[in-house]
PDB file of N, CA and C in Angstrom:
ATOM      1  N   MET A   1       0.841  -1.186   0.000  1.00  0.00           N
ATOM      2  CA  MET A   1       0.000   0.000   0.000  1.00  0.00           C
ATOM      3  C   MET A   1       0.880   1.241   0.000  1.00  0.00           C
ATOM      4  N   LYS A   2       0.345   2.247  -0.596  1.00  0.00           N
ATOM      5  CA  LYS A   2       0.988   3.568  -0.632  1.00  0.00           C
ATOM      6  C   LYS A   2       0.040   4.570   0.021  1.00  0.00           C
ATOM      7  N   TRP A   3       0.525   5.766   0.295  1.00  0.00           N
ATOM      8  CA  TRP A   3      -0.293   6.796   0.934  1.00  0.00           C
ATOM      9  C   TRP A   3      -1.564   7.095   0.147  1.00  0.00           C
ATOM     10  N   ILE A   4      -1.513   6.946  -1.156  1.00  0.00           N
ATOM     11  CA  ILE A   4      -2.689   7.275  -1.977  1.00  0.00           C
ATOM     12  C   ILE A   4      -3.782   6.210  -1.897  1.00  0.00           C
ATOM     13  N   ASP A   5      -3.473   5.061  -1.315  1.00  0.00           N
ATOM     14  CA  ASP A   5      -4.446   3.973  -1.179  1.00  0.00           C
ATOM     15  C   ASP A   5      -5.306   4.183   0.070  1.00  0.00           C
ATOM     16  N   VAL A   6      -5.991   5.301   0.092  1.00  0.00           N
ATOM     17  CA  VAL A   6      -6.714   5.759   1.272  1.00  0.00           C
ATOM     18  C   VAL A   6      -7.744   4.732   1.758  1.00  0.00           C
ATOM     19  N   THR A   7      -8.542   4.197   0.864  1.00  0.00           N
ATOM     20  CA  THR A   7      -9.584   3.241   1.265  1.00  0.00           C
ATOM     21  C   THR A   7      -8.970   1.956   1.797  1.00  0.00           C
ATOM     22  N   ASP A   8      -7.947   1.457   1.133  1.00  0.00           N
ATOM     23  CA  ASP A   8      -7.281   0.240   1.602  1.00  0.00           C
ATOM     24  C   ASP A   8      -6.663   0.449   2.980  1.00  0.00           C
ATOM     25  N   ILE A   9      -6.077   1.604   3.186  1.00  0.00           N
ATOM     26  CA  ILE A   9      -5.494   1.923   4.488  1.00  0.00           C
ATOM     27  C   ILE A   9      -6.587   1.979   5.548  1.00  0.00           C
ATOM     28  N   ALA A  10      -7.695   2.639   5.223  1.00  0.00           N
ATOM     29  CA  ALA A  10      -8.804   2.748   6.187  1.00  0.00           C
ATOM     30  C   ALA A  10      -9.330   1.371   6.569  1.00  0.00           C
ATOM     31  N   LEU A  11      -9.494   0.488   5.598  1.00  0.00           N
ATOM     32  CA  LEU A  11      -9.969  -0.868   5.878  1.00  0.00           C
ATOM     33  C   LEU A  11      -8.979  -1.630   6.760  1.00  0.00           C
ATOM     34  N   ALA A  12      -7.702  -1.458   6.494  1.00  0.00           N
ATOM     35  CA  ALA A  12      -6.680  -2.120   7.308  1.00  0.00           C
ATOM     36  C   ALA A  12      -6.685  -1.570   8.734  1.00  0.00           C
ATOM     37  N   LEU A  13      -6.935  -0.277   8.886  1.00  0.00           N
ATOM     38  CA  LEU A  13      -6.984   0.316  10.220  1.00  0.00           C
ATOM     39  C   LEU A  13      -8.205  -0.158  10.998  1.00  0.00           C
ATOM     40  N   VAL A  14      -9.325  -0.351  10.313  1.00  0.00           N
ATOM     41  CA  VAL A  14     -10.521  -0.897  10.965  1.00  0.00           C
ATOM     42  C   VAL A  14     -10.188  -2.260  11.566  1.00  0.00           C
ATOM     43  N   ASP A  15      -9.478  -3.088  10.793  1.00  0.00           N
ATOM     44  CA  ASP A  15      -9.105  -4.417  11.269  1.00  0.00           C
ATOM     45  C   ASP A  15      -8.052  -4.361  12.371  1.00  0.00           C
ATOM     46  N   ALA A  16      -7.083  -3.470  12.225  1.00  0.00           N
ATOM     47  CA  ALA A  16      -5.975  -3.398  13.173  1.00  0.00           C
ATOM     48  C   ALA A  16      -6.360  -2.739  14.503  1.00  0.00           C
ATOM     49  N   HIS A  17      -7.317  -1.816  14.451  1.00  0.00           N
ATOM     50  CA  HIS A  17      -7.688  -1.052  15.647  1.00  0.00           C
ATOM     51  C   HIS A  17      -9.213  -0.978  15.760  1.00  0.00           C
ATOM     52  N   PRO A  18      -9.866  -2.127  15.984  1.00  0.00           N
ATOM     53  CA  PRO A  18     -11.336  -2.158  15.967  1.00  0.00           C
ATOM     54  C   PRO A  18     -12.010  -1.366  17.089  1.00  0.00           C
ATOM     55  N   ASP A  19     -11.306  -1.122  18.171  1.00  0.00           N
ATOM     56  CA  ASP A  19     -11.907  -0.426  19.309  1.00  0.00           C
ATOM     57  C   ASP A  19     -11.617   1.071  19.334  1.00  0.00           C
ATOM     58  N   VAL A  20     -10.966   1.571  18.291  1.00  0.00           N
ATOM     59  CA  VAL A  20     -10.589   2.983  18.243  1.00  0.00           C
ATOM     60  C   VAL A  20     -11.625   3.789  17.481  1.00  0.00           C
ATOM     61  N   ASP A  21     -12.007   4.922  18.052  1.00  0.00           N
ATOM     62  CA  ASP A  21     -12.874   5.873  17.351  1.00  0.00           C
ATOM     63  C   ASP A  21     -11.958   6.784  16.533  1.00  0.00           C
ATOM     64  N   PRO A  22     -11.986   6.686  15.208  1.00  0.00           N
ATOM     65  CA  PRO A  22     -11.060   7.464  14.386  1.00  0.00           C
ATOM     66  C   PRO A  22     -11.237   8.977  14.509  1.00  0.00           C
ATOM     67  N   ARG A  23     -12.357   9.410  15.050  1.00  0.00           N
ATOM     68  CA  ARG A  23     -12.554  10.856  15.234  1.00  0.00           C
ATOM     69  C   ARG A  23     -11.699  11.402  16.362  1.00  0.00           C
ATOM     70  N   THR A  24     -11.154  10.514  17.203  1.00  0.00           N
ATOM     71  CA  THR A  24     -10.400  10.968  18.371  1.00  0.00           C
ATOM     72  C   THR A  24      -8.897  10.786  18.226  1.00  0.00           C
ATOM     73  N   ILE A  25      -8.450  10.236  17.118  1.00  0.00           N
ATOM     74  CA  ILE A  25      -7.027   9.935  16.963  1.00  0.00           C
ATOM     75  C   ILE A  25      -6.240  11.169  16.530  1.00  0.00           C
ATOM     76  N   ARG A  26      -5.045  11.289  17.075  1.00  0.00           N
ATOM     77  CA  ARG A  26      -4.138  12.372  16.667  1.00  0.00           C
ATOM     78  C   ARG A  26      -3.438  11.956  15.379  1.00  0.00           C
ATOM     79  N   PHE A  27      -3.115  12.916  14.549  1.00  0.00           N
ATOM     80  CA  PHE A  27      -2.467  12.618  13.279  1.00  0.00           C
ATOM     81  C   PHE A  27      -1.091  11.979  13.474  1.00  0.00           C
ATOM     82  N   THR A  28      -0.402  12.318  14.552  1.00  0.00           N
ATOM     83  CA  THR A  28       0.894  11.684  14.803  1.00  0.00           C
ATOM     84  C   THR A  28       0.716  10.184  15.037  1.00  0.00           C
ATOM     85  N   ASP A  29      -0.332   9.813  15.780  1.00  0.00           N
ATOM     86  CA  ASP A  29      -0.620   8.391  16.000  1.00  0.00           C
ATOM     87  C   ASP A  29      -1.089   7.727  14.712  1.00  0.00           C
ATOM     88  N   LEU A  30      -1.944   8.408  13.975  1.00  0.00           N
ATOM     89  CA  LEU A  30      -2.446   7.860  12.716  1.00  0.00           C
ATOM     90  C   LEU A  30      -1.287   7.582  11.761  1.00  0.00           C
ATOM     91  N   HIS A  31      -0.378   8.501  11.656  1.00  0.00           N
ATOM     92  CA  HIS A  31       0.788   8.341  10.789  1.00  0.00           C
ATOM     93  C   HIS A  31       1.586   7.104  11.216  1.00  0.00           C
ATOM     94  N   ARG A  32       1.823   6.976  12.492  1.00  0.00           N
ATOM     95  CA  ARG A  32       2.584   5.844  13.024  1.00  0.00           C
ATOM     96  C   ARG A  32       1.867   4.526  12.757  1.00  0.00           C
ATOM     97  N   TRP A  33       0.547   4.498  12.949  1.00  0.00           N
ATOM     98  CA  TRP A  33      -0.236   3.281  12.739  1.00  0.00           C
ATOM     99  C   TRP A  33      -0.256   2.875  11.273  1.00  0.00           C
ATOM    100  N   VAL A  34      -0.371   3.855  10.387  1.00  0.00           N
ATOM    101  CA  VAL A  34      -0.347   3.547   8.950  1.00  0.00           C
ATOM    102  C   VAL A  34       1.009   2.952   8.577  1.00  0.00           C
ATOM    103  N   MET A  35       2.076   3.559   9.066  1.00  0.00           N
ATOM    104  CA  MET A  35       3.420   3.059   8.760  1.00  0.00           C
ATOM    105  C   MET A  35       3.613   1.627   9.254  1.00  0.00           C
ATOM    106  N   ALA A  36       2.916   1.234  10.307  1.00  0.00           N
ATOM    107  CA  ALA A  36       3.062  -0.099  10.896  1.00  0.00           C
ATOM    108  C   ALA A  36       2.160  -1.151  10.240  1.00  0.00           C
ATOM    109  N   LEU A  37       1.280  -0.740   9.348  1.00  0.00           N
ATOM    110  CA  LEU A  37       0.371  -1.706   8.724  1.00  0.00           C
ATOM    111  C   LEU A  37       1.139  -2.707   7.860  1.00  0.00           C
ATOM    112  N   PRO A  38       0.762  -3.994   7.955  1.00  0.00           N
ATOM    113  CA  PRO A  38       1.374  -4.980   7.060  1.00  0.00           C
ATOM    114  C   PRO A  38       1.059  -4.625   5.604  1.00  0.00           C
ATOM    115  N   GLY A  39       2.041  -4.681   4.774  1.00  0.00           N
ATOM    116  CA  GLY A  39       1.839  -4.375   3.363  1.00  0.00           C
ATOM    117  C   GLY A  39       1.995  -2.906   3.017  1.00  0.00           C
ATOM    118  N   PHE A  40       2.169  -2.049   4.022  1.00  0.00           N
ATOM    119  CA  PHE A  40       2.377  -0.630   3.728  1.00  0.00           C
ATOM    120  C   PHE A  40       3.842  -0.424   3.397  1.00  0.00           C
ATOM    121  N   ASP A  41       4.086   0.191   2.252  1.00  0.00           N
ATOM    122  CA  ASP A  41       5.458   0.389   1.796  1.00  0.00           C
ATOM    123  C   ASP A  41       5.557   1.702   1.034  1.00  0.00           C
ATOM    124  N   ASP A  42       5.693   2.781   1.790  1.00  0.00           N
ATOM    125  CA  ASP A  42       5.828   4.091   1.158  1.00  0.00           C
ATOM    126  C   ASP A  42       6.709   4.963   2.046  1.00  0.00           C
ATOM    127  N   ASP A  43       7.194   6.010   1.474  1.00  0.00           N
ATOM    128  CA  ASP A  43       8.067   6.948   2.178  1.00  0.00           C
ATOM    129  C   ASP A  43       7.271   7.692   3.244  1.00  0.00           C
ATOM    130  N   PRO A  44       7.731   7.685   4.501  1.00  0.00           N
ATOM    131  CA  PRO A  44       7.013   8.396   5.565  1.00  0.00           C
ATOM    132  C   PRO A  44       6.838   9.884   5.273  1.00  0.00           C
ATOM    133  N   GLY A  45       7.748  10.438   4.525  1.00  0.00           N
ATOM    134  CA  GLY A  45       7.687  11.855   4.204  1.00  0.00           C
ATOM    135  C   GLY A  45       6.676  12.222   3.140  1.00  0.00           C
ATOM    136  N   HIS A  46       6.084  11.235   2.497  1.00  0.00           N
ATOM    137  CA  HIS A  46       5.118  11.513   1.439  1.00  0.00           C
ATOM    138  C   HIS A  46       3.711  11.767   1.972  1.00  0.00           C
ATOM    139  N   SER A  47       3.552  11.660   3.263  1.00  0.00           N
ATOM    140  CA  SER A  47       2.237  11.952   3.838  1.00  0.00           C
ATOM    141  C   SER A  47       2.187  13.414   4.249  1.00  0.00           C
ATOM    142  N   GLY A  48       0.983  13.872   4.432  1.00  0.00           N
ATOM    143  CA  GLY A  48       0.773  15.236   4.887  1.00  0.00           C
ATOM    144  C   GLY A  48      -0.597  15.322   5.527  1.00  0.00           C
ATOM    145  N   GLU A  49      -0.943  16.496   5.981  1.00  0.00           N
ATOM    146  CA  GLU A  49      -2.214  16.675   6.673  1.00  0.00           C
ATOM    147  C   GLU A  49      -3.404  16.286   5.794  1.00  0.00           C
ATOM    148  N   LYS A  50      -3.361  16.636   4.513  1.00  0.00           N
ATOM    149  CA  LYS A  50      -4.492  16.306   3.629  1.00  0.00           C
ATOM    150  C   LYS A  50      -4.660  14.799   3.465  1.00  0.00           C
ATOM    151  N   ILE A  51      -3.569  14.081   3.320  1.00  0.00           N
ATOM    152  CA  ILE A  51      -3.657  12.631   3.179  1.00  0.00           C
ATOM    153  C   ILE A  51      -4.165  12.003   4.467  1.00  0.00           C
ATOM    154  N   LEU A  52      -3.633  12.452   5.604  1.00  0.00           N
ATOM    155  CA  LEU A  52      -4.080  11.912   6.884  1.00  0.00           C
ATOM    156  C   LEU A  52      -5.557  12.230   7.134  1.00  0.00           C
ATOM    157  N   GLU A  53      -5.999  13.406   6.741  1.00  0.00           N
ATOM    158  CA  GLU A  53      -7.421  13.750   6.863  1.00  0.00           C
ATOM    159  C   GLU A  53      -8.273  12.833   5.988  1.00  0.00           C
ATOM    160  N   ALA A  54      -7.804  12.543   4.783  1.00  0.00           N
ATOM    161  CA  ALA A  54      -8.543  11.653   3.881  1.00  0.00           C
ATOM    162  C   ALA A  54      -8.616  10.239   4.443  1.00  0.00           C
ATOM    163  N   ILE A  55      -7.515   9.768   5.025  1.00  0.00           N
ATOM    164  CA  ILE A  55      -7.505   8.442   5.649  1.00  0.00           C
ATOM    165  C   ILE A  55      -8.473   8.418   6.821  1.00  0.00           C
ATOM    166  N   GLN A  56      -8.428   9.446   7.650  1.00  0.00           N
ATOM    167  CA  GLN A  56      -9.323   9.526   8.807  1.00  0.00           C
ATOM    168  C   GLN A  56     -10.785   9.538   8.349  1.00  0.00           C
ATOM    169  N   ALA A  57     -11.103  10.312   7.339  1.00  0.00           N
ATOM    170  CA  ALA A  57     -12.479  10.385   6.829  1.00  0.00           C
ATOM    171  C   ALA A  57     -12.924   9.034   6.270  1.00  0.00           C
ATOM    172  N   ALA A  58     -12.053   8.356   5.547  1.00  0.00           N
ATOM    173  CA  ALA A  58     -12.391   7.046   5.006  1.00  0.00           C
ATOM    174  C   ALA A  58     -12.593   6.038   6.134  1.00  0.00           C
ATOM    175  N   TRP A  59     -11.788   6.127   7.159  1.00  0.00           N
ATOM    176  CA  TRP A  59     -11.921   5.242   8.313  1.00  0.00           C
ATOM    177  C   TRP A  59     -13.272   5.474   8.995  1.00  0.00           C
ATOM    178  N   ILE A  60     -13.631   6.727   9.167  1.00  0.00           N
ATOM    179  CA  ILE A  60     -14.932   7.066   9.766  1.00  0.00           C
ATOM    180  C   ILE A  60     -16.056   6.494   8.896  1.00  0.00           C
ATOM    181  N   ASP A  61     -15.945   6.638   7.595  1.00  0.00           N
ATOM    182  CA  ASP A  61     -16.965   6.108   6.677  1.00  0.00           C
ATOM    183  C   ASP A  61     -17.094   4.584   6.780  1.00  0.00           C
ATOM    184  N   GLU A  62     -15.986   3.912   7.014  1.00  0.00           N
ATOM    185  CA  GLU A  62     -15.992   2.449   7.066  1.00  0.00           C
ATOM    186  C   GLU A  62     -16.628   1.901   8.339  1.00  0.00           C
ATOM    187  N   ILE A  63     -16.596   2.697   9.410  1.00  0.00           N
ATOM    188  CA  ILE A  63     -17.223   2.205  10.637  1.00  0.00           C
ATOM    189  C   ILE A  63     -18.631   2.732  10.693  1.00  0.00           C
TER     190      ILE A  63
END
């Protein structure tokens, strides 16, 4: 997965953190959790606030 795979990342986060309300997560934690996902292989520096917001929104939509 890459940073642009927002929906895939959101689905993986739902599975990895089922008890977390994505509306309450800090972007620093979200960034760290995405980097730790199995199959995630992208440069940590390629993320930004807009990408993290998109991931968070997709995660909210999935739950």
